[in-house]
Amino acid sequence: MTIEIKENQIIFTRTFKAQPKHIFQAYTDATLFKQWFHPEGTTLEIYEFDVRDGGSAFFAIHAPQGSSYTVTHYNEITRPNIIDYYDYFATPDGEIDKSMAGMHNNINIQDMGNGVSQLTATSILPDAKSAQQLLEMGVEEGMNSTFDNLERLLATK
């Protein structure tokens, strides 16, 4: 995985041996999403999962040191290449935590040929300080571990 920082943007890029439709399905099917969308050593619990234009999701990542809750609002879902959404830290009741910056995320999945796809995940935060805060919280390590889980899941397809 490569990571690029551009002021308030964090751009993750990774190549997978999978067709775009399989990566897209891993992001949009709750059963698959639950299997990979968390760092190693944690688990994912889904409370709501409605991936469509205007849909939303609410889930928790449980780690030994505690749980992190996320509310997601989907803007655009274009099969099998684009998933555009806003993510927010949340309370255990699913209320957006206004003390933490939300972020606009764009997942772009490109077919590179020969059964290989490139996934580019761009997180756009309100400002460079918010992006730096996310990096200090370990987002790079978390994304690497999460994408490792995705790679293992895709290998079963």
N, C-alpha and C. Protein backbone atom coordinates (compact mmCIF):
# COMPACT_ATOMS: atom_id res chain seq x y z
N MET A 1 0.85 -1.18 0.00
CA MET A 1 0.00 0.00 0.00
C MET A 1 0.89 1.23 0.00
N THR A 2 0.49 2.21 -0.78
CA THR A 2 1.17 3.51 -0.71
C THR A 2 0.23 4.50 -0.04
N ILE A 3 0.82 5.48 0.59
CA ILE A 3 0.04 6.54 1.21
C ILE A 3 0.64 7.87 0.77
N GLU A 4 -0.24 8.80 0.44
CA GLU A 4 0.18 10.14 0.04
C GLU A 4 -0.63 11.14 0.85
N ILE A 5 0.05 12.14 1.37
CA ILE A 5 -0.61 13.20 2.15
C ILE A 5 -0.58 14.47 1.31
N LYS A 6 -1.74 15.06 1.09
CA LYS A 6 -1.85 16.33 0.37
C LYS A 6 -2.69 17.26 1.22
N GLU A 7 -2.04 18.02 2.08
CA GLU A 7 -2.69 18.94 3.00
C GLU A 7 -3.78 18.24 3.80
N ASN A 8 -5.05 18.37 3.41
CA ASN A 8 -6.16 17.79 4.18
C ASN A 8 -6.62 16.45 3.61
N GLN A 9 -5.84 15.88 2.68
CA GLN A 9 -6.22 14.61 2.07
C GLN A 9 -5.20 13.52 2.40
N ILE A 10 -5.73 12.33 2.69
CA ILE A 10 -4.90 11.15 2.86
C ILE A 10 -5.33 10.18 1.77
N ILE A 11 -4.38 9.79 0.92
CA ILE A 11 -4.70 8.95 -0.24
C ILE A 11 -3.98 7.62 -0.10
N PHE A 12 -4.76 6.55 0.01
CA PHE A 12 -4.24 5.19 0.12
C PHE A 12 -4.43 4.50 -1.23
N THR A 13 -3.41 3.83 -1.73
CA THR A 13 -3.52 3.09 -2.99
C THR A 13 -2.96 1.70 -2.78
N ARG A 14 -3.72 0.72 -3.25
CA ARG A 14 -3.27 -0.68 -3.14
C ARG A 14 -3.79 -1.47 -4.33
N THR A 15 -2.99 -2.41 -4.78
CA THR A 15 -3.36 -3.28 -5.89
C THR A 15 -3.76 -4.64 -5.33
N PHE A 16 -4.83 -5.20 -5.91
CA PHE A 16 -5.33 -6.51 -5.48
C PHE A 16 -5.46 -7.42 -6.69
N LYS A 17 -5.24 -8.72 -6.47
CA LYS A 17 -5.49 -9.72 -7.51
C LYS A 17 -6.97 -10.08 -7.42
N ALA A 18 -7.79 -9.23 -8.02
CA ALA A 18 -9.24 -9.43 -7.99
C ALA A 18 -9.88 -8.50 -9.01
N GLN A 19 -11.03 -8.89 -9.48
CA GLN A 19 -11.79 -8.03 -10.38
C GLN A 19 -12.48 -6.94 -9.56
N PRO A 20 -12.71 -5.76 -10.17
CA PRO A 20 -13.38 -4.68 -9.44
C PRO A 20 -14.70 -5.12 -8.78
N LYS A 21 -15.47 -5.97 -9.45
CA LYS A 21 -16.77 -6.37 -8.90
C LYS A 21 -16.62 -7.09 -7.56
N HIS A 22 -15.53 -7.83 -7.37
CA HIS A 22 -15.33 -8.53 -6.11
C HIS A 22 -14.93 -7.58 -4.99
N ILE A 23 -14.11 -6.59 -5.31
CA ILE A 23 -13.74 -5.57 -4.31
C ILE A 23 -14.98 -4.76 -3.94
N PHE A 24 -15.73 -4.35 -4.96
CA PHE A 24 -16.96 -3.58 -4.73
C PHE A 24 -17.91 -4.36 -3.83
N GLN A 25 -18.07 -5.64 -4.11
CA GLN A 25 -18.98 -6.48 -3.32
C GLN A 25 -18.50 -6.57 -1.87
N ALA A 26 -17.18 -6.62 -1.66
CA ALA A 26 -16.64 -6.69 -0.30
C ALA A 26 -16.98 -5.43 0.50
N TYR A 27 -17.10 -4.30 -0.19
CA TYR A 27 -17.48 -3.04 0.47
C TYR A 27 -18.99 -2.90 0.66
N THR A 28 -19.79 -3.60 -0.13
CA THR A 28 -21.23 -3.32 -0.15
C THR A 28 -22.11 -4.46 0.36
N ASP A 29 -21.55 -5.62 0.62
CA ASP A 29 -22.29 -6.77 1.16
C ASP A 29 -21.93 -6.88 2.64
N ALA A 30 -22.92 -6.75 3.52
CA ALA A 30 -22.66 -6.72 4.96
C ALA A 30 -21.92 -7.96 5.46
N THR A 31 -22.26 -9.12 4.94
CA THR A 31 -21.60 -10.35 5.38
C THR A 31 -20.11 -10.33 5.05
N LEU A 32 -19.77 -9.84 3.86
CA LEU A 32 -18.36 -9.74 3.46
C LEU A 32 -17.66 -8.61 4.20
N PHE A 33 -18.31 -7.45 4.28
CA PHE A 33 -17.74 -6.27 4.94
C PHE A 33 -17.31 -6.62 6.37
N LYS A 34 -18.16 -7.36 7.05
CA LYS A 34 -17.87 -7.72 8.45
C LYS A 34 -16.61 -8.57 8.57
N GLN A 35 -16.29 -9.31 7.52
CA GLN A 35 -15.13 -10.21 7.57
C GLN A 35 -13.78 -9.50 7.43
N TRP A 36 -13.79 -8.28 6.87
CA TRP A 36 -12.48 -7.67 6.58
C TRP A 36 -12.32 -6.23 7.02
N PHE A 37 -13.39 -5.47 7.22
CA PHE A 37 -13.24 -4.03 7.44
C PHE A 37 -12.92 -3.70 8.90
N HIS A 38 -11.76 -4.20 9.33
CA HIS A 38 -11.25 -3.92 10.68
C HIS A 38 -9.79 -4.35 10.72
N PRO A 39 -8.99 -3.69 11.54
CA PRO A 39 -7.59 -4.12 11.67
C PRO A 39 -7.50 -5.50 12.33
N GLU A 40 -6.38 -6.15 12.12
CA GLU A 40 -6.12 -7.45 12.74
C GLU A 40 -6.24 -7.32 14.26
N GLY A 41 -6.80 -8.33 14.89
CA GLY A 41 -6.94 -8.33 16.34
C GLY A 41 -8.20 -7.63 16.84
N THR A 42 -9.04 -7.19 15.90
CA THR A 42 -10.29 -6.53 16.27
C THR A 42 -11.44 -7.25 15.56
N THR A 43 -12.66 -6.88 15.94
CA THR A 43 -13.85 -7.43 15.29
C THR A 43 -14.77 -6.29 14.90
N LEU A 44 -15.65 -6.57 13.97
CA LEU A 44 -16.60 -5.56 13.49
C LEU A 44 -18.01 -6.02 13.82
N GLU A 45 -18.79 -5.11 14.38
CA GLU A 45 -20.20 -5.37 14.66
C GLU A 45 -21.02 -4.36 13.86
N ILE A 46 -21.95 -4.85 13.06
CA ILE A 46 -22.77 -3.99 12.21
C ILE A 46 -24.17 -3.85 12.82
N TYR A 47 -24.61 -2.59 12.98
CA TYR A 47 -25.95 -2.31 13.49
C TYR A 47 -26.89 -1.91 12.36
N GLU A 48 -26.35 -1.23 11.36
CA GLU A 48 -27.12 -0.79 10.19
C GLU A 48 -26.18 -0.83 9.00
N PHE A 49 -26.71 -1.26 7.83
CA PHE A 49 -25.86 -1.35 6.65
C PHE A 49 -26.73 -1.25 5.41
N ASP A 50 -26.86 -0.04 4.88
CA ASP A 50 -27.72 0.23 3.73
C ASP A 50 -26.89 0.99 2.70
N VAL A 51 -26.10 0.24 1.92
CA VAL A 51 -25.17 0.85 0.97
C VAL A 51 -25.90 1.12 -0.34
N ARG A 52 -26.29 2.37 -0.51
CA ARG A 52 -26.95 2.86 -1.73
C ARG A 52 -26.87 4.38 -1.70
N ASP A 53 -27.13 5.01 -2.84
CA ASP A 53 -27.17 6.48 -2.86
C ASP A 53 -28.15 6.93 -1.77
N GLY A 54 -27.70 7.75 -0.83
CA GLY A 54 -28.56 8.24 0.25
C GLY A 54 -28.67 7.29 1.43
N GLY A 55 -28.05 6.13 1.37
CA GLY A 55 -28.11 5.15 2.45
C GLY A 55 -27.15 5.48 3.58
N SER A 56 -27.16 4.66 4.61
CA SER A 56 -26.26 4.89 5.74
C SER A 56 -25.88 3.57 6.40
N ALA A 57 -24.88 3.66 7.23
CA ALA A 57 -24.40 2.51 7.99
C ALA A 57 -24.00 2.98 9.38
N PHE A 58 -24.04 2.05 10.32
CA PHE A 58 -23.59 2.30 11.69
C PHE A 58 -22.94 1.00 12.16
N PHE A 59 -21.67 1.10 12.56
CA PHE A 59 -20.96 -0.11 12.99
C PHE A 59 -19.93 0.24 14.05
N ALA A 60 -19.43 -0.80 14.70
CA ALA A 60 -18.41 -0.64 15.74
C ALA A 60 -17.23 -1.56 15.45
N ILE A 61 -16.04 -1.06 15.71
CA ILE A 61 -14.85 -1.89 15.70
C ILE A 61 -14.45 -2.10 17.16
N HIS A 62 -14.44 -3.37 17.56
CA HIS A 62 -14.12 -3.71 18.94
C HIS A 62 -12.69 -4.21 19.02
N ALA A 63 -11.90 -3.57 19.88
CA ALA A 63 -10.51 -3.93 20.11
C ALA A 63 -10.33 -4.21 21.59
N PRO A 64 -9.26 -4.89 21.97
CA PRO A 64 -9.03 -5.15 23.40
C PRO A 64 -9.02 -3.87 24.25
N GLN A 65 -8.54 -2.76 23.66
CA GLN A 65 -8.45 -1.51 24.43
C GLN A 65 -9.74 -0.68 24.39
N GLY A 66 -10.76 -1.13 23.65
CA GLY A 66 -12.02 -0.40 23.60
C GLY A 66 -12.68 -0.50 22.24
N SER A 67 -13.79 0.21 22.10
CA SER A 67 -14.56 0.17 20.85
C SER A 67 -14.61 1.54 20.21
N SER A 68 -14.65 1.54 18.88
CA SER A 68 -14.77 2.77 18.08
C SER A 68 -16.02 2.62 17.23
N TYR A 69 -16.89 3.64 17.27
CA TYR A 69 -18.16 3.60 16.55
C TYR A 69 -18.12 4.55 15.36
N THR A 70 -18.73 4.14 14.26
CA THR A 70 -18.72 4.92 13.02
C THR A 70 -20.12 5.00 12.44
N VAL A 71 -20.49 6.20 12.01
CA VAL A 71 -21.70 6.42 11.23
C VAL A 71 -21.24 6.82 9.83
N THR A 72 -21.83 6.21 8.81
CA THR A 72 -21.50 6.47 7.42
C THR A 72 -22.73 6.91 6.66
N HIS A 73 -22.59 7.96 5.86
CA HIS A 73 -23.67 8.42 4.97
C HIS A 73 -23.15 8.30 3.53
N TYR A 74 -23.83 7.48 2.73
CA TYR A 74 -23.39 7.23 1.35
C TYR A 74 -23.95 8.28 0.40
N ASN A 75 -23.07 8.83 -0.43
CA ASN A 75 -23.45 9.83 -1.42
C ASN A 75 -23.71 9.20 -2.78
N GLU A 76 -22.71 8.44 -3.26
CA GLU A 76 -22.79 7.85 -4.60
C GLU A 76 -22.24 6.44 -4.57
N ILE A 77 -23.02 5.53 -5.12
CA ILE A 77 -22.60 4.15 -5.27
C ILE A 77 -22.74 3.83 -6.76
N THR A 78 -21.62 3.62 -7.43
CA THR A 78 -21.63 3.31 -8.86
C THR A 78 -20.91 1.98 -9.06
N ARG A 79 -21.69 0.92 -9.24
CA ARG A 79 -21.16 -0.43 -9.41
C ARG A 79 -20.36 -0.54 -10.68
N PRO A 80 -19.19 -1.09 -10.71
CA PRO A 80 -18.38 -1.63 -9.61
C PRO A 80 -17.17 -0.75 -9.28
N ASN A 81 -17.26 0.56 -9.53
CA ASN A 81 -16.05 1.39 -9.44
C ASN A 81 -16.01 2.46 -8.36
N ILE A 82 -17.16 2.97 -7.93
CA ILE A 82 -17.13 4.14 -7.03
C ILE A 82 -18.02 3.92 -5.81
N ILE A 83 -17.44 4.24 -4.65
CA ILE A 83 -18.20 4.30 -3.40
C ILE A 83 -17.78 5.62 -2.75
N ASP A 84 -18.70 6.56 -2.68
CA ASP A 84 -18.42 7.89 -2.16
C ASP A 84 -19.29 8.10 -0.92
N TYR A 85 -18.65 8.45 0.19
CA TYR A 85 -19.40 8.54 1.45
C TYR A 85 -18.72 9.47 2.46
N TYR A 86 -19.48 9.82 3.50
CA TYR A 86 -18.96 10.58 4.63
C TYR A 86 -18.94 9.65 5.83
N ASP A 87 -17.84 9.68 6.58
CA ASP A 87 -17.66 8.89 7.80
C ASP A 87 -17.56 9.83 8.98
N TYR A 88 -18.15 9.40 10.09
CA TYR A 88 -18.09 10.19 11.32
C TYR A 88 -17.84 9.27 12.50
N PHE A 89 -17.00 9.71 13.44
CA PHE A 89 -16.91 9.00 14.71
C PHE A 89 -18.26 9.17 15.39
N ALA A 90 -18.66 8.16 16.14
CA ALA A 90 -20.00 8.19 16.74
C ALA A 90 -19.97 7.69 18.17
N THR A 91 -21.08 7.92 18.86
CA THR A 91 -21.28 7.38 20.20
C THR A 91 -21.82 5.95 20.07
N PRO A 92 -21.82 5.18 21.14
CA PRO A 92 -22.39 3.84 21.08
C PRO A 92 -23.88 3.81 20.68
N ASP A 93 -24.55 4.95 20.81
CA ASP A 93 -25.96 5.05 20.42
C ASP A 93 -26.15 5.45 18.96
N GLY A 94 -25.04 5.66 18.24
CA GLY A 94 -25.14 6.02 16.83
C GLY A 94 -25.29 7.50 16.56
N GLU A 95 -25.00 8.32 17.56
CA GLU A 95 -25.02 9.77 17.38
C GLU A 95 -23.64 10.22 16.92
N ILE A 96 -23.57 11.12 15.97
CA ILE A 96 -22.30 11.62 15.48
C ILE A 96 -21.58 12.37 16.59
N ASP A 97 -20.30 12.04 16.80
CA ASP A 97 -19.46 12.69 17.80
C ASP A 97 -18.91 13.98 17.18
N LYS A 98 -19.47 15.10 17.56
CA LYS A 98 -19.10 16.38 16.97
C LYS A 98 -17.75 16.89 17.44
N SER A 99 -17.14 16.22 18.43
CA SER A 99 -15.82 16.65 18.90
C SER A 99 -14.70 16.14 17.99
N MET A 100 -15.03 15.23 17.07
CA MET A 100 -14.05 14.68 16.13
C MET A 100 -14.46 15.07 14.71
N ALA A 101 -13.47 15.36 13.89
CA ALA A 101 -13.75 15.75 12.51
C ALA A 101 -14.28 14.56 11.70
N GLY A 102 -15.31 14.80 10.92
CA GLY A 102 -15.78 13.80 9.97
C GLY A 102 -14.91 13.87 8.73
N MET A 103 -15.08 12.89 7.84
CA MET A 103 -14.28 12.92 6.63
C MET A 103 -15.08 12.44 5.43
N HIS A 104 -14.76 13.01 4.30
CA HIS A 104 -15.35 12.62 3.02
C HIS A 104 -14.41 11.57 2.43
N ASN A 105 -14.96 10.42 2.06
CA ASN A 105 -14.16 9.33 1.51
C ASN A 105 -14.63 8.99 0.11
N ASN A 106 -13.66 8.71 -0.75
CA ASN A 106 -13.98 8.26 -2.09
C ASN A 106 -13.16 7.02 -2.37
N ILE A 107 -13.86 5.92 -2.67
CA ILE A 107 -13.22 4.67 -3.05
C ILE A 107 -13.36 4.55 -4.55
N ASN A 108 -12.22 4.43 -5.23
CA ASN A 108 -12.22 4.28 -6.69
C ASN A 108 -11.51 2.97 -7.01
N ILE A 109 -12.20 2.10 -7.74
CA ILE A 109 -11.66 0.78 -8.06
C ILE A 109 -11.48 0.70 -9.57
N GLN A 110 -10.23 0.53 -10.01
CA GLN A 110 -9.92 0.49 -11.44
C GLN A 110 -9.43 -0.89 -11.85
N ASP A 111 -9.96 -1.37 -12.97
CA ASP A 111 -9.51 -2.63 -13.55
C ASP A 111 -8.19 -2.37 -14.27
N MET A 112 -7.13 -3.06 -13.83
CA MET A 112 -5.81 -2.88 -14.43
C MET A 112 -5.51 -3.97 -15.46
N GLY A 113 -6.46 -4.90 -15.66
CA GLY A 113 -6.26 -6.00 -16.59
C GLY A 113 -5.63 -7.20 -15.92
N ASN A 114 -5.74 -8.35 -16.56
CA ASN A 114 -5.14 -9.59 -16.06
C ASN A 114 -5.58 -9.96 -14.65
N GLY A 115 -6.83 -9.64 -14.30
CA GLY A 115 -7.35 -10.00 -12.99
C GLY A 115 -6.82 -9.16 -11.84
N VAL A 116 -6.27 -7.99 -12.15
CA VAL A 116 -5.71 -7.10 -11.13
C VAL A 116 -6.50 -5.79 -11.11
N SER A 117 -6.76 -5.30 -9.91
CA SER A 117 -7.46 -4.02 -9.75
C SER A 117 -6.68 -3.13 -8.80
N GLN A 118 -6.78 -1.83 -9.03
CA GLN A 118 -6.18 -0.85 -8.13
C GLN A 118 -7.28 -0.15 -7.38
N LEU A 119 -7.15 -0.13 -6.06
CA LEU A 119 -8.09 0.56 -5.20
C LEU A 119 -7.41 1.83 -4.69
N THR A 120 -8.06 2.96 -4.92
CA THR A 120 -7.58 4.23 -4.38
C THR A 120 -8.64 4.75 -3.42
N ALA A 121 -8.26 4.89 -2.16
CA ALA A 121 -9.16 5.39 -1.13
C ALA A 121 -8.66 6.77 -0.70
N THR A 122 -9.46 7.79 -0.99
CA THR A 122 -9.09 9.16 -0.65
C THR A 122 -9.97 9.65 0.49
N SER A 123 -9.33 10.04 1.59
CA SER A 123 -10.03 10.62 2.74
C SER A 123 -9.76 12.11 2.76
N ILE A 124 -10.82 12.89 2.71
CA ILE A 124 -10.70 14.35 2.70
C ILE A 124 -11.23 14.87 4.03
N LEU A 125 -10.34 15.50 4.78
CA LEU A 125 -10.70 16.03 6.10
C LEU A 125 -10.88 17.54 6.04
N PRO A 126 -11.47 18.13 7.07
CA PRO A 126 -11.74 19.58 7.02
C PRO A 126 -10.49 20.44 6.85
N ASP A 127 -9.35 19.97 7.40
CA ASP A 127 -8.13 20.75 7.30
C ASP A 127 -6.91 19.84 7.52
N ALA A 128 -5.73 20.38 7.28
CA ALA A 128 -4.50 19.61 7.41
C ALA A 128 -4.29 19.12 8.84
N LYS A 129 -4.69 19.92 9.83
CA LYS A 129 -4.54 19.53 11.23
C LYS A 129 -5.36 18.27 11.53
N SER A 130 -6.56 18.19 10.99
CA SER A 130 -7.41 17.00 11.19
C SER A 130 -6.78 15.78 10.53
N ALA A 131 -6.20 15.96 9.35
CA ALA A 131 -5.53 14.85 8.67
C ALA A 131 -4.34 14.37 9.49
N GLN A 132 -3.57 15.29 10.04
CA GLN A 132 -2.42 14.94 10.87
C GLN A 132 -2.87 14.20 12.12
N GLN A 133 -3.98 14.63 12.73
CA GLN A 133 -4.52 13.97 13.92
C GLN A 133 -4.87 12.51 13.60
N LEU A 134 -5.47 12.29 12.45
CA LEU A 134 -5.84 10.93 12.04
C LEU A 134 -4.59 10.07 11.84
N LEU A 135 -3.56 10.64 11.25
CA LEU A 135 -2.30 9.91 11.06
C LEU A 135 -1.68 9.55 12.41
N GLU A 136 -1.74 10.47 13.36
CA GLU A 136 -1.19 10.23 14.69
C GLU A 136 -1.97 9.17 15.44
N MET A 137 -3.25 8.99 15.09
CA MET A 137 -4.08 7.96 15.70
C MET A 137 -3.79 6.57 15.12
N GLY A 138 -2.93 6.49 14.09
CA GLY A 138 -2.53 5.20 13.54
C GLY A 138 -3.33 4.75 12.34
N VAL A 139 -3.91 5.69 11.59
CA VAL A 139 -4.75 5.30 10.45
C VAL A 139 -3.97 4.53 9.39
N GLU A 140 -2.69 4.85 9.19
CA GLU A 140 -1.92 4.14 8.17
C GLU A 140 -1.76 2.66 8.53
N GLU A 141 -1.39 2.38 9.77
CA GLU A 141 -1.23 1.00 10.21
C GLU A 141 -2.58 0.28 10.15
N GLY A 142 -3.63 0.97 10.57
CA GLY A 142 -4.96 0.38 10.55
C GLY A 142 -5.42 0.03 9.14
N MET A 143 -5.16 0.92 8.18
CA MET A 143 -5.56 0.66 6.79
C MET A 143 -4.75 -0.47 6.20
N ASN A 144 -3.46 -0.52 6.49
CA ASN A 144 -2.62 -1.62 6.00
C ASN A 144 -3.17 -2.96 6.48
N SER A 145 -3.47 -3.04 7.76
CA SER A 145 -3.98 -4.27 8.35
C SER A 145 -5.35 -4.63 7.77
N THR A 146 -6.20 -3.62 7.60
CA THR A 146 -7.54 -3.82 7.04
C THR A 146 -7.45 -4.30 5.60
N PHE A 147 -6.59 -3.68 4.81
CA PHE A 147 -6.43 -4.12 3.42
C PHE A 147 -5.80 -5.51 3.33
N ASP A 148 -4.98 -5.89 4.32
CA ASP A 148 -4.48 -7.26 4.37
C ASP A 148 -5.65 -8.23 4.53
N ASN A 149 -6.60 -7.87 5.40
CA ASN A 149 -7.80 -8.69 5.57
C ASN A 149 -8.59 -8.79 4.26
N LEU A 150 -8.72 -7.67 3.57
CA LEU A 150 -9.43 -7.67 2.29
C LEU A 150 -8.72 -8.57 1.29
N GLU A 151 -7.41 -8.50 1.25
CA GLU A 151 -6.64 -9.35 0.32
C GLU A 151 -6.89 -10.83 0.61
N ARG A 152 -6.90 -11.21 1.89
CA ARG A 152 -7.17 -12.60 2.25
C ARG A 152 -8.59 -13.02 1.84
N LEU A 153 -9.55 -12.13 2.03
CA LEU A 153 -10.93 -12.44 1.63
C LEU A 153 -11.02 -12.60 0.12
N LEU A 154 -10.42 -11.70 -0.62
CA LEU A 154 -10.48 -11.76 -2.09
C LEU A 154 -9.79 -13.02 -2.63
N ALA A 155 -8.81 -13.54 -1.93
CA ALA A 155 -8.12 -14.76 -2.37
C ALA A 155 -9.05 -15.97 -2.36
N THR A 156 -10.16 -15.86 -1.62
CA THR A 156 -11.12 -16.97 -1.56
C THR A 156 -12.14 -16.91 -2.69
N LYS A 157 -12.12 -15.83 -3.49
CA LYS A 157 -13.10 -15.66 -4.57
C LYS A 157 -12.70 -16.43 -5.79
